[in-house]
Protein backbone atom coordinates (compact mmCIF):
# COMPACT_ATOMS: atom_id res chain seq x y z
CA UNK A 1 -9.95 -10.78 8.85
CA UNK A 2 -12.22 -9.68 11.61
CA UNK A 3 -14.08 -6.46 11.65
CA UNK A 4 -12.90 -3.47 13.52
CA UNK A 5 -13.42 -3.49 17.34
CA UNK A 6 -16.55 -1.69 18.52
CA UNK A 7 -14.44 1.10 20.26
CA UNK A 8 -13.03 2.27 16.61
CA UNK A 9 -14.59 5.15 14.89
CA UNK A 10 -15.28 5.01 11.19
CA UNK A 11 -13.01 7.80 9.57
CA UNK A 12 -13.53 6.86 5.73
CA UNK A 13 -16.36 4.84 3.97
CA UNK A 14 -16.33 3.40 0.47
CA UNK A 15 -16.81 6.43 -1.23
CA UNK A 16 -14.06 8.46 0.33
CA UNK A 17 -11.63 5.81 -0.17
CA UNK A 18 -12.65 5.29 -3.94
CA UNK A 19 -12.03 9.17 -4.34
CA UNK A 20 -8.74 9.13 -2.54
CA UNK A 21 -7.44 6.38 -4.67
CA UNK A 22 -8.97 8.19 -7.85
CA UNK A 23 -6.86 11.38 -6.77
CA UNK A 24 -3.64 8.98 -6.18
CA UNK A 25 -4.04 7.53 -9.49
CA UNK A 26 -4.31 11.13 -11.15
CA UNK A 27 -1.16 12.10 -9.20
CA UNK A 28 0.76 9.07 -10.59
CA UNK A 29 -0.46 10.06 -14.25
CA UNK A 30 0.72 13.53 -13.92
CA UNK A 31 4.30 12.45 -12.40
CA UNK A 32 4.83 9.87 -14.89
CA UNK A 33 4.50 10.74 -18.65
CA UNK A 34 4.95 7.04 -20.00
CA UNK A 35 2.81 4.78 -18.02
CA UNK A 36 4.46 2.02 -19.76
CA UNK A 37 7.41 2.55 -17.38
CA UNK A 38 5.82 2.22 -14.10
CA UNK A 39 4.53 -0.72 -12.31
CA UNK A 40 2.29 -0.68 -9.33
CA UNK A 41 3.38 -3.24 -6.57
CA UNK A 42 1.11 -4.35 -3.83
CA UNK A 43 2.44 -5.20 -0.16
CA UNK A 44 0.00 -7.97 0.77
CA UNK A 45 -2.50 -8.28 2.17
CA UNK A 46 -4.16 -5.17 1.57
CA UNK A 47 -1.80 -3.05 -0.37
CA UNK A 48 -2.37 -5.64 -3.35
CA UNK A 49 -6.31 -4.42 -3.45
CA UNK A 50 -5.00 -0.59 -2.85
CA UNK A 51 -2.71 -1.42 -5.89
CA UNK A 52 -5.46 -3.02 -8.23
CA UNK A 53 -7.88 -0.16 -7.43
CA UNK A 54 -5.44 2.33 -8.25
CA UNK A 55 -4.42 0.40 -11.29
CA UNK A 56 -7.89 0.31 -12.49
CA UNK A 57 -8.44 3.95 -12.06
CA UNK A 58 -5.26 4.93 -13.84
CA UNK A 59 -6.61 2.29 -16.71
CA UNK A 60 -9.95 4.36 -16.70
CA UNK A 61 -8.70 7.43 -17.09
CA UNK A 62 -6.02 6.72 -19.57
CA UNK A 63 -7.58 4.07 -21.65
CA UNK A 64 -4.64 1.44 -21.13
CA UNK A 65 -3.58 -0.80 -18.48
CA UNK A 66 -1.03 -0.27 -15.85
CA UNK A 67 1.32 -3.19 -14.89
CA UNK A 68 0.72 -4.67 -11.46
CA UNK A 69 2.56 -6.86 -9.08
CA UNK A 70 3.07 -8.37 -5.46
CA UNK A 71 6.03 -8.21 -3.23
CA UNK A 72 5.86 -10.66 -0.14
CA UNK A 73 8.07 -9.12 2.64
CA UNK A 74 7.78 -11.84 5.41
CA UNK A 75 10.90 -13.16 5.04
CA UNK A 76 12.54 -9.44 5.00
CA UNK A 77 10.99 -7.96 8.19
CA UNK A 78 13.15 -7.18 11.11
CA UNK A 79 10.33 -6.82 13.56
CA UNK A 80 9.24 -10.75 13.47
CA UNK A 81 9.78 -11.42 17.28
CA UNK A 82 7.85 -8.19 18.17
CA UNK A 83 4.57 -9.07 15.83
CA UNK A 84 1.72 -10.51 17.62
CA UNK A 85 1.28 -13.02 14.46
CA UNK A 86 3.01 -13.95 11.36
CA UNK A 87 1.09 -13.43 8.15
CA UNK A 88 1.41 -16.20 5.71
CA UNK A 89 4.07 -16.06 2.87
CA UNK A 90 2.18 -14.82 -0.43
CA UNK A 91 4.08 -15.58 -3.67
CA UNK A 92 5.65 -12.60 -5.37
CA UNK A 93 4.94 -11.41 -8.63
CA UNK A 94 7.02 -8.98 -10.37
CA UNK A 95 6.54 -7.53 -14.15
CA UNK A 96 9.79 -8.82 -16.45
CA UNK A 97 12.52 -6.10 -16.95
CA UNK A 98 12.02 -4.32 -13.42
CA UNK A 99 15.44 -2.76 -14.13
CA UNK A 100 13.73 -0.39 -16.75
CA UNK A 101 10.62 0.33 -14.64
CA UNK A 102 9.67 2.82 -11.79
CA UNK A 103 8.02 0.55 -9.27
CA UNK A 104 5.42 2.06 -6.95
CA UNK A 105 5.22 0.13 -3.76
CA UNK A 106 1.61 0.29 -2.64
CA UNK A 107 0.50 -0.33 1.15
CA UNK A 108 -2.76 0.45 3.08
CA UNK A 109 -0.95 1.96 6.20
CA UNK A 110 2.48 3.79 6.58
CA UNK A 111 3.33 3.69 10.20
CA UNK A 112 6.85 2.87 11.38
CA UNK A 113 8.71 2.49 7.81
CA UNK A 114 9.25 -0.99 8.40
CA UNK A 115 7.19 -2.75 6.00
CA UNK A 116 8.26 -0.48 3.10
CA UNK A 117 11.84 -0.97 4.17
CA UNK A 118 11.60 -5.05 4.03
CA UNK A 119 9.59 -4.56 0.72
CA UNK A 120 12.62 -2.67 -0.74
CA UNK A 121 14.75 -5.31 0.53
CA UNK A 122 12.57 -8.15 -1.16
CA UNK A 123 12.78 -6.01 -4.60
CA UNK A 124 16.40 -6.08 -4.57
CA UNK A 125 16.39 -10.21 -4.66
CA UNK A 126 14.72 -9.86 -7.92
CA UNK A 127 16.78 -7.02 -9.54
CA UNK A 128 17.22 -3.25 -9.41
CA UNK A 129 14.37 -1.25 -10.49
CA UNK A 130 15.13 2.07 -12.37
CA UNK A 131 13.18 3.67 -9.16
CA UNK A 132 11.11 3.05 -6.24
CA UNK A 133 8.47 5.22 -5.16
CA UNK A 134 5.95 4.81 -2.33
CA UNK A 135 2.11 5.02 -2.11
CA UNK A 136 -0.17 4.67 0.87
CA UNK A 137 -3.75 4.90 1.53
CA UNK A 138 -3.09 6.14 5.05
CA UNK A 139 0.10 7.82 6.70
CA UNK A 140 -0.15 7.41 10.51
CA UNK A 141 3.18 9.23 11.14
CA UNK A 142 5.47 8.15 13.81
CA UNK A 143 8.33 6.63 12.00
CA UNK A 144 11.07 4.54 13.20
CA UNK A 145 12.92 4.69 10.05
CA UNK A 146 13.51 7.74 7.78
CA UNK A 147 10.83 6.57 4.99
CA UNK A 148 8.11 8.76 3.65
CA UNK A 149 5.45 8.13 0.79
CA UNK A 150 5.50 10.02 -2.43
CA UNK A 151 1.65 9.56 -2.68
CA UNK A 152 -0.50 9.88 0.43
CA UNK A 153 -4.29 9.30 0.67
CA UNK A 154 -4.84 10.58 3.85
CA UNK A 155 -2.78 11.77 7.20
CA UNK A 156 -4.23 10.38 10.08
CA UNK A 157 -2.00 11.09 13.06
CA UNK A 158 -2.59 8.51 15.99
CA UNK A 159 -1.13 7.98 19.07
CA UNK A 160 1.45 5.09 19.58
CA UNK A 161 -1.24 3.13 21.37
CA UNK A 162 -3.83 3.92 18.82
CA UNK A 163 -4.80 1.74 15.65
CA UNK A 164 -5.76 2.22 12.31
CA UNK A 165 -8.04 -0.82 10.41
CA UNK A 166 -8.48 -0.96 6.75
CA UNK A 167 -10.93 -3.16 5.40
CA UNK A 168 -12.03 -4.03 1.99
CA UNK A 169 -14.85 -6.16 0.91
CA UNK A 170 -12.77 -8.15 -1.67
CA UNK A 171 -10.16 -9.02 1.02
CA UNK A 172 -12.28 -9.03 4.43
CA UNK A 173 -15.74 -9.80 3.47
CA UNK A 174 -17.12 -6.54 4.95
CA UNK A 175 -17.77 -2.97 3.30
CA UNK A 176 -14.84 -1.20 2.73
CA UNK A 177 -13.89 1.52 5.22
CA UNK A 178 -11.05 2.83 7.43
CA UNK A 179 -11.41 2.87 11.29
CA UNK A 180 -9.50 4.63 13.97
CA UNK A 181 -8.86 3.71 17.49
CA UNK A 182 -6.93 6.19 19.49
CA UNK A 183 -6.04 4.19 22.58
């Protein structure tokens, strides 16, 4: 992926992202007594990295790992004709026995709600989880669907023409950061 455009302003640096993800991890631990009954499911591409980092924080704080997985939403989107480009399909990987688990969908940016809806549709092709929750690093607002996150890192209201760029060294090869362009 490319670097953010020159007219985008850095909003969160690596340290701020890490603090936010650590806080989300603690919120998840506080809400769920039995961490063996949850799984963090990343939405490609950067949601997978966000889920991995939250799981690492939970494992570090609690001394035991949390299951993670990936859910590809490519074939469940309802806005393919409106998108500038279609992302490659990524194999989905969910833990065994999702019917006994609370799946926490994890994404980098929540905006219209369409990606979350597509992820929920994709999950139902694998089974029926006990519960689904949603975590997002950034919430831009301006929903098109009645979807909200259970765990929000930072709310950044941007105008409809604006854009939020999340980049991670592990995914993009550049320093971790969140940039905002308001026009």
